[in-house]
């Protein structure tokens, strides 16, 4: 089983942004917003993610969170797939709701935690959803009201946020609110959501490739932090790549897993790959699809070949599994 990428090791702080496809709305009314928040909380609880700050706007959302043991991708799959299914069923629509790739920035906590909480929580005010800070204090679709104590969500770690502003709750709330107020004149702060010279290197393998060619990346939108922090993140990325399974070994590990799970489920490999819809076969196939992709890291196309199904069938199986979890 390959090691999980260190950039998403448990405890990593992420600023995550999700947007509607083609800048379309992701919520239309209060019921949608309630579903969105419910799915967010359920996914956080099931994957043990810790959420500190968030803001839901009509066509996008921001979340500041700490990665749990299952990692950021598992959390996002459960959250976005579950909510998209709710939204599509309610509005009788089909197709993608979100942009294919959410944006995630690894953040240096000591330098940026307070700044990011303030930036994220001021989004509704900057967007004109509320007219001033007094309204924001009780705005139900933003984590600021939770920190202020006016809205309550058990899955948001209010105590950790307030600990940055004081030891006693009342004084900490007052200091936090003043800090948020001081941020209003600062505007949109593009430096906190990226703004580096390189938008994306196309994955951490590209980081290694560019550095091997002695190409210098002056900044990287996926990392928010000082020079030493960025250098450490890139170094850890290279170490992760060195520990990834080669393609041929990954295939062998996948085949061994298929043989083992088939034996446990008393299903022959021939029947598994025949497309049989007999319930025990379908159950084994669904279990294997999840484990091959999520545990071994096989691309969906490789998993499909091992199971004798199509790539879209694997994708649908993963979506169904995520929806059941949340």
Protein backbone atom coordinates (compact mmCIF):
# COMPACT_ATOMS: atom_id res chain seq x y z
CA UNK A 1 0.00 0.00 0.00
CA UNK A 2 1.57 3.35 -1.00
CA UNK A 3 2.29 5.95 1.61
CA UNK A 4 -0.14 8.83 1.77
CA UNK A 5 1.28 12.08 0.40
CA UNK A 6 2.95 14.02 3.19
CA UNK A 7 1.40 17.25 1.99
CA UNK A 8 -1.88 15.78 3.10
CA UNK A 9 -0.62 14.05 6.21
CA UNK A 10 -2.91 14.18 9.25
CA UNK A 11 -2.58 17.61 10.82
CA UNK A 12 -1.93 19.55 7.60
CA UNK A 13 -3.72 22.91 7.51
CA UNK A 14 -5.59 23.57 4.24
CA UNK A 15 -7.50 26.52 2.81
CA UNK A 16 -10.00 24.90 0.44
CA UNK A 17 -12.10 26.69 -2.17
CA UNK A 18 -14.93 25.08 -4.15
CA UNK A 19 -16.71 26.81 -7.02
CA UNK A 20 -19.76 26.14 -9.12
CA UNK A 21 -19.08 24.90 -12.63
CA UNK A 22 -18.86 27.81 -15.08
CA UNK A 23 -19.30 30.14 -12.06
CA UNK A 24 -22.88 28.96 -11.59
CA UNK A 25 -24.68 28.97 -8.26
CA UNK A 26 -24.19 26.09 -5.85
CA UNK A 27 -27.05 27.17 -3.54
CA UNK A 28 -30.35 28.73 -4.52
CA UNK A 29 -32.14 29.20 -1.20
CA UNK A 30 -32.12 28.50 2.51
CA UNK A 31 -32.92 24.83 2.07
CA UNK A 32 -29.91 24.36 -0.20
CA UNK A 33 -27.73 26.20 2.29
CA UNK A 34 -28.97 23.99 5.10
CA UNK A 35 -28.18 20.86 3.06
CA UNK A 36 -24.72 22.20 2.20
CA UNK A 37 -23.87 22.85 5.84
CA UNK A 38 -25.31 19.51 6.95
CA UNK A 39 -23.21 17.64 4.38
CA UNK A 40 -20.12 19.62 5.41
CA UNK A 41 -20.59 18.69 9.05
CA UNK A 42 -21.39 15.03 8.36
CA UNK A 43 -18.37 14.60 6.11
CA UNK A 44 -16.10 16.30 8.64
CA UNK A 45 -17.33 14.02 11.43
CA UNK A 46 -17.03 10.83 9.37
CA UNK A 47 -13.47 11.60 8.21
CA UNK A 48 -12.37 13.34 11.42
CA UNK A 49 -11.51 16.61 9.73
CA UNK A 50 -11.26 19.67 11.97
CA UNK A 51 -12.92 22.80 10.60
CA UNK A 52 -11.97 26.24 11.91
CA UNK A 53 -13.50 28.71 9.47
CA UNK A 54 -15.89 28.63 6.52
CA UNK A 55 -18.11 30.82 4.40
CA UNK A 56 -20.84 29.81 1.95
CA UNK A 57 -21.57 32.20 -0.91
CA UNK A 58 -23.99 31.77 -3.83
CA UNK A 59 -21.46 30.30 -6.27
CA UNK A 60 -18.50 29.25 -4.12
CA UNK A 61 -17.34 28.39 -0.61
CA UNK A 62 -14.20 28.70 1.51
CA UNK A 63 -13.13 26.28 4.25
CA UNK A 64 -10.13 26.35 6.60
CA UNK A 65 -9.53 22.87 7.97
CA UNK A 66 -7.00 20.46 9.37
CA UNK A 67 -6.65 17.14 7.58
CA UNK A 68 -7.76 14.01 9.40
CA UNK A 69 -6.47 10.43 9.14
CA UNK A 70 -8.39 9.69 5.92
CA UNK A 71 -6.99 12.73 4.12
CA UNK A 72 -8.45 15.69 2.31
CA UNK A 73 -9.55 13.85 -0.90
CA UNK A 74 -11.71 11.38 1.06
CA UNK A 75 -13.39 14.24 2.92
CA UNK A 76 -14.01 16.25 -0.25
CA UNK A 77 -15.42 13.24 -2.11
CA UNK A 78 -17.92 12.55 0.62
CA UNK A 79 -18.86 16.18 1.06
CA UNK A 80 -19.14 17.34 -2.56
CA UNK A 81 -20.61 14.14 -3.98
CA UNK A 82 -23.23 13.97 -1.26
CA UNK A 83 -24.28 17.59 -1.63
CA UNK A 84 -24.27 17.54 -5.43
CA UNK A 85 -26.63 14.55 -5.32
CA UNK A 86 -28.95 16.41 -2.94
CA UNK A 87 -28.92 19.53 -5.11
CA UNK A 88 -29.50 17.69 -8.38
CA UNK A 89 -32.38 15.66 -6.99
CA UNK A 90 -34.05 18.70 -5.48
CA UNK A 91 -33.71 20.84 -8.61
CA UNK A 92 -34.25 17.96 -11.07
CA UNK A 93 -31.00 18.56 -12.87
CA UNK A 94 -28.16 16.35 -14.07
CA UNK A 95 -24.43 16.76 -14.54
CA UNK A 96 -21.64 18.39 -12.59
CA UNK A 97 -22.39 21.03 -10.00
CA UNK A 98 -18.82 21.93 -9.02
CA UNK A 99 -15.70 22.66 -10.99
CA UNK A 100 -13.81 19.41 -11.53
CA UNK A 101 -10.93 20.42 -9.28
CA UNK A 102 -11.36 22.18 -5.98
CA UNK A 103 -8.50 24.45 -5.01
CA UNK A 104 -6.47 23.58 -1.93
CA UNK A 105 -3.63 25.58 -0.40
CA UNK A 106 -1.32 24.12 2.25
CA UNK A 107 -0.86 26.83 4.87
CA UNK A 108 1.85 27.71 7.37
CA UNK A 109 -0.15 27.86 10.58
CA UNK A 110 1.88 30.16 12.82
CA UNK A 111 2.11 32.89 10.21
CA UNK A 112 -1.32 32.68 8.60
CA UNK A 113 -3.94 31.00 10.81
CA UNK A 114 -5.50 34.20 12.17
CA UNK A 115 -5.25 35.96 8.81
CA UNK A 116 -7.06 33.12 7.06
CA UNK A 117 -9.84 32.88 9.64
CA UNK A 118 -10.47 36.62 9.22
CA UNK A 119 -10.20 36.55 5.44
CA UNK A 120 -12.64 33.63 5.10
CA UNK A 121 -15.15 35.00 7.58
CA UNK A 122 -15.24 38.42 5.89
CA UNK A 123 -16.23 36.92 2.54
CA UNK A 124 -20.00 37.47 2.99
CA UNK A 125 -19.39 41.13 3.87
CA UNK A 126 -17.08 41.68 0.91
CA UNK A 127 -19.65 40.01 -1.37
CA UNK A 128 -22.46 42.26 -0.11
CA UNK A 129 -24.48 39.42 1.46
CA UNK A 130 -24.52 41.37 4.74
CA UNK A 131 -24.26 45.11 5.11
CA UNK A 132 -21.97 45.37 8.14
CA UNK A 133 -20.21 43.43 10.87
CA UNK A 134 -23.25 43.49 13.14
CA UNK A 135 -25.22 41.53 10.54
CA UNK A 136 -22.26 39.20 9.97
CA UNK A 137 -22.22 38.42 13.72
CA UNK A 138 -25.48 36.50 13.25
CA UNK A 139 -25.17 35.39 9.61
CA UNK A 140 -25.93 31.67 9.69
CA UNK A 141 -23.96 30.73 6.56
CA UNK A 142 -20.51 31.67 7.83
CA UNK A 143 -18.33 30.40 10.65
CA UNK A 144 -17.93 33.90 12.10
CA UNK A 145 -21.32 33.65 13.83
CA UNK A 146 -20.17 30.36 15.40
CA UNK A 147 -17.02 31.95 16.80
CA UNK A 148 -19.14 34.80 18.14
CA UNK A 149 -21.37 32.25 19.91
CA UNK A 150 -24.55 33.18 18.04
CA UNK A 151 -24.78 30.01 15.92
CA UNK A 152 -23.77 26.53 17.05
CA UNK A 153 -22.24 23.73 14.98
CA UNK A 154 -20.51 20.98 16.93
CA UNK A 155 -18.17 20.20 14.02
CA UNK A 156 -16.57 23.68 13.98
CA UNK A 157 -13.66 24.02 16.41
CA UNK A 158 -14.60 27.36 17.95
CA UNK A 159 -12.38 26.85 20.99
CA UNK A 160 -9.20 26.52 18.94
CA UNK A 161 -9.92 29.75 17.06
CA UNK A 162 -10.64 31.69 20.25
CA UNK A 163 -7.48 30.32 21.88
CA UNK A 164 -5.49 32.47 19.44
CA UNK A 165 -7.11 35.59 20.92
CA UNK A 166 -7.14 35.01 24.67
CA UNK A 167 -7.48 32.54 27.51
CA UNK A 168 -10.90 33.63 28.72
CA UNK A 169 -13.82 33.22 26.37
CA UNK A 170 -15.42 36.65 26.79
CA UNK A 171 -12.13 38.51 26.28
CA UNK A 172 -11.16 36.24 23.39
CA UNK A 173 -14.46 36.84 21.58
CA UNK A 174 -14.01 40.60 21.99
CA UNK A 175 -10.42 40.49 20.71
CA UNK A 176 -11.40 38.23 17.80
CA UNK A 177 -14.22 40.55 16.72
CA UNK A 178 -11.93 43.56 16.83
CA UNK A 179 -9.38 41.70 14.75
CA UNK A 180 -12.06 40.90 12.16
CA UNK A 181 -13.20 44.55 12.17
CA UNK A 182 -9.62 45.70 11.58
CA UNK A 183 -9.50 43.51 8.47
CA UNK A 184 -12.45 45.14 6.71
CA UNK A 185 -10.43 48.03 5.20
CA UNK A 186 -7.80 45.57 3.90
CA UNK A 187 -10.06 44.48 1.02
CA UNK A 188 -9.84 41.21 -0.88
CA UNK A 189 -6.28 40.14 0.08
CA UNK A 190 -5.44 38.16 -3.10
CA UNK A 191 -2.14 37.07 -1.55
CA UNK A 192 -4.10 34.81 0.82
CA UNK A 193 -5.73 32.76 -1.95
CA UNK A 194 -2.70 32.24 -4.13
CA UNK A 195 -1.57 34.95 -6.47
CA UNK A 196 1.81 33.29 -7.02
CA UNK A 197 3.57 33.20 -10.35
CA UNK A 198 2.69 29.56 -10.95
CA UNK A 199 -0.97 28.53 -10.78
CA UNK A 200 -0.38 24.82 -10.98
CA UNK A 201 2.54 22.57 -11.86
CA UNK A 202 0.14 19.74 -12.62
CA UNK A 203 0.78 17.65 -9.53
CA UNK A 204 3.71 16.97 -7.24
CA UNK A 205 5.45 14.81 -9.83
CA UNK A 206 5.83 17.98 -11.87
CA UNK A 207 7.56 19.68 -8.93
CA UNK A 208 10.25 17.02 -9.03
CA UNK A 209 10.52 17.22 -12.81
CA UNK A 210 10.97 20.98 -12.84
CA UNK A 211 13.53 20.95 -10.06
CA UNK A 212 15.48 18.18 -11.81
CA UNK A 213 15.69 20.48 -14.83
CA UNK A 214 16.84 23.28 -12.50
CA UNK A 215 13.77 25.37 -13.29
CA UNK A 216 13.03 27.76 -10.45
CA UNK A 217 9.46 28.17 -9.24
CA UNK A 218 9.48 31.53 -7.49
CA UNK A 219 6.17 30.78 -5.82
CA UNK A 220 3.47 28.15 -5.89
CA UNK A 221 -0.24 28.77 -5.36
CA UNK A 222 -0.62 25.48 -3.51
CA UNK A 223 1.56 26.67 -0.62
CA UNK A 224 1.01 29.71 1.60
CA UNK A 225 4.00 30.35 3.81
CA UNK A 226 7.51 31.69 4.14
CA UNK A 227 10.49 30.53 2.10
CA UNK A 228 11.61 27.86 4.55
CA UNK A 229 8.08 26.44 4.78
CA UNK A 230 7.71 26.30 0.99
CA UNK A 231 11.12 24.65 0.65
CA UNK A 232 10.20 22.04 3.26
CA UNK A 233 6.89 21.28 1.52
CA UNK A 234 8.62 20.80 -1.82
CA UNK A 235 11.23 18.57 -0.21
CA UNK A 236 8.56 16.42 1.40
CA UNK A 237 6.80 16.19 -1.96
CA UNK A 238 9.96 14.79 -3.53
CA UNK A 239 10.29 12.23 -0.73
CA UNK A 240 6.67 11.18 -1.28
CA UNK A 241 7.33 10.60 -4.96
CA UNK A 242 10.35 8.42 -4.15
CA UNK A 243 8.10 6.17 -2.04
CA UNK A 244 5.31 5.76 -4.57
CA UNK A 245 4.86 2.28 -6.00
CA UNK A 246 6.09 1.77 -9.57
CA UNK A 247 3.31 1.04 -12.06
CA UNK A 248 4.23 -2.65 -12.49
CA UNK A 249 4.38 -3.29 -8.75
CA UNK A 250 1.12 -1.37 -8.24
CA UNK A 251 -0.54 -3.68 -10.78
CA UNK A 252 0.80 -6.79 -9.02
CA UNK A 253 -0.43 -5.50 -5.66
CA UNK A 254 -3.82 -4.86 -7.22
CA UNK A 255 -4.01 -8.37 -8.68
CA UNK A 256 -3.11 -9.90 -5.30
CA UNK A 257 -5.82 -7.83 -3.65
CA UNK A 258 -8.38 -8.97 -6.24
CA UNK A 259 -7.47 -12.62 -5.70
CA UNK A 260 -7.68 -12.27 -1.91
CA UNK A 261 -11.03 -10.47 -1.82
CA UNK A 262 -12.52 -12.86 -4.39
CA UNK A 263 -11.46 -15.80 -2.23
CA UNK A 264 -12.98 -14.20 0.86
CA UNK A 265 -16.22 -13.53 -1.00
CA UNK A 266 -16.24 -16.97 -2.65
CA UNK A 267 -16.34 -15.43 -6.11
CA UNK A 268 -14.17 -16.63 -8.98
CA UNK A 269 -12.05 -14.19 -10.97
CA UNK A 270 -13.78 -15.32 -14.16
CA UNK A 271 -17.22 -14.50 -12.77
CA UNK A 272 -15.99 -11.17 -11.37
CA UNK A 273 -14.68 -10.11 -14.78
CA UNK A 274 -17.67 -11.48 -16.70
CA UNK A 275 -19.93 -8.58 -15.78
CA UNK A 276 -22.18 -10.79 -13.64
CA UNK A 277 -24.72 -8.83 -11.58
CA UNK A 278 -25.26 -11.60 -9.03
CA UNK A 279 -25.40 -9.87 -5.64
CA UNK A 280 -22.28 -11.45 -4.08
CA UNK A 281 -20.32 -10.63 -7.23
CA UNK A 282 -21.54 -7.03 -7.33
CA UNK A 283 -20.68 -6.64 -3.66
CA UNK A 284 -17.12 -7.91 -4.14
CA UNK A 285 -16.69 -5.76 -7.25
CA UNK A 286 -17.81 -2.61 -5.44
CA UNK A 287 -15.52 -3.34 -2.48
CA UNK A 288 -12.57 -3.94 -4.78
CA UNK A 289 -13.21 -0.81 -6.83
CA UNK A 290 -12.99 1.31 -3.71
CA UNK A 291 -9.90 -0.41 -2.33
CA UNK A 292 -8.00 -0.42 -5.62
CA UNK A 293 -8.52 3.31 -6.16
CA UNK A 294 -8.61 4.69 -2.61
CA UNK A 295 -6.12 2.38 -0.87
CA UNK A 296 -3.69 1.31 -3.58
CA UNK A 297 -3.97 4.51 -5.59
CA UNK A 298 -4.66 2.83 -8.93
CA UNK A 299 -6.09 5.09 -11.64
CA UNK A 300 -9.74 4.29 -12.28
CA UNK A 301 -8.88 2.94 -15.75
CA UNK A 302 -6.43 0.41 -14.25
CA UNK A 303 -8.95 -0.66 -11.62
CA UNK A 304 -11.55 -1.08 -14.34
CA UNK A 305 -9.27 -3.41 -16.33
CA UNK A 306 -8.63 -5.55 -13.27
CA UNK A 307 -12.35 -5.88 -12.58
CA UNK A 308 -13.51 -6.27 -16.17
CA UNK A 309 -15.72 -3.18 -16.14
CA UNK A 310 -15.63 0.28 -17.71
CA UNK A 311 -13.96 3.35 -16.24
CA UNK A 312 -17.30 5.16 -15.77
CA UNK A 313 -18.59 2.14 -13.84
CA UNK A 314 -15.75 2.55 -11.35
CA UNK A 315 -16.47 6.26 -11.05
CA UNK A 316 -20.17 5.61 -10.38
CA UNK A 317 -19.29 3.00 -7.77
CA UNK A 318 -17.04 5.45 -5.94
CA UNK A 319 -19.75 8.11 -5.99
CA UNK A 320 -22.33 5.70 -4.61
CA UNK A 321 -19.95 4.66 -1.83
CA UNK A 322 -19.25 8.28 -0.90
CA UNK A 323 -22.96 9.08 -0.82
CA UNK A 324 -23.62 6.13 1.52
CA UNK A 325 -20.89 7.24 3.92
CA UNK A 326 -22.38 10.69 4.40
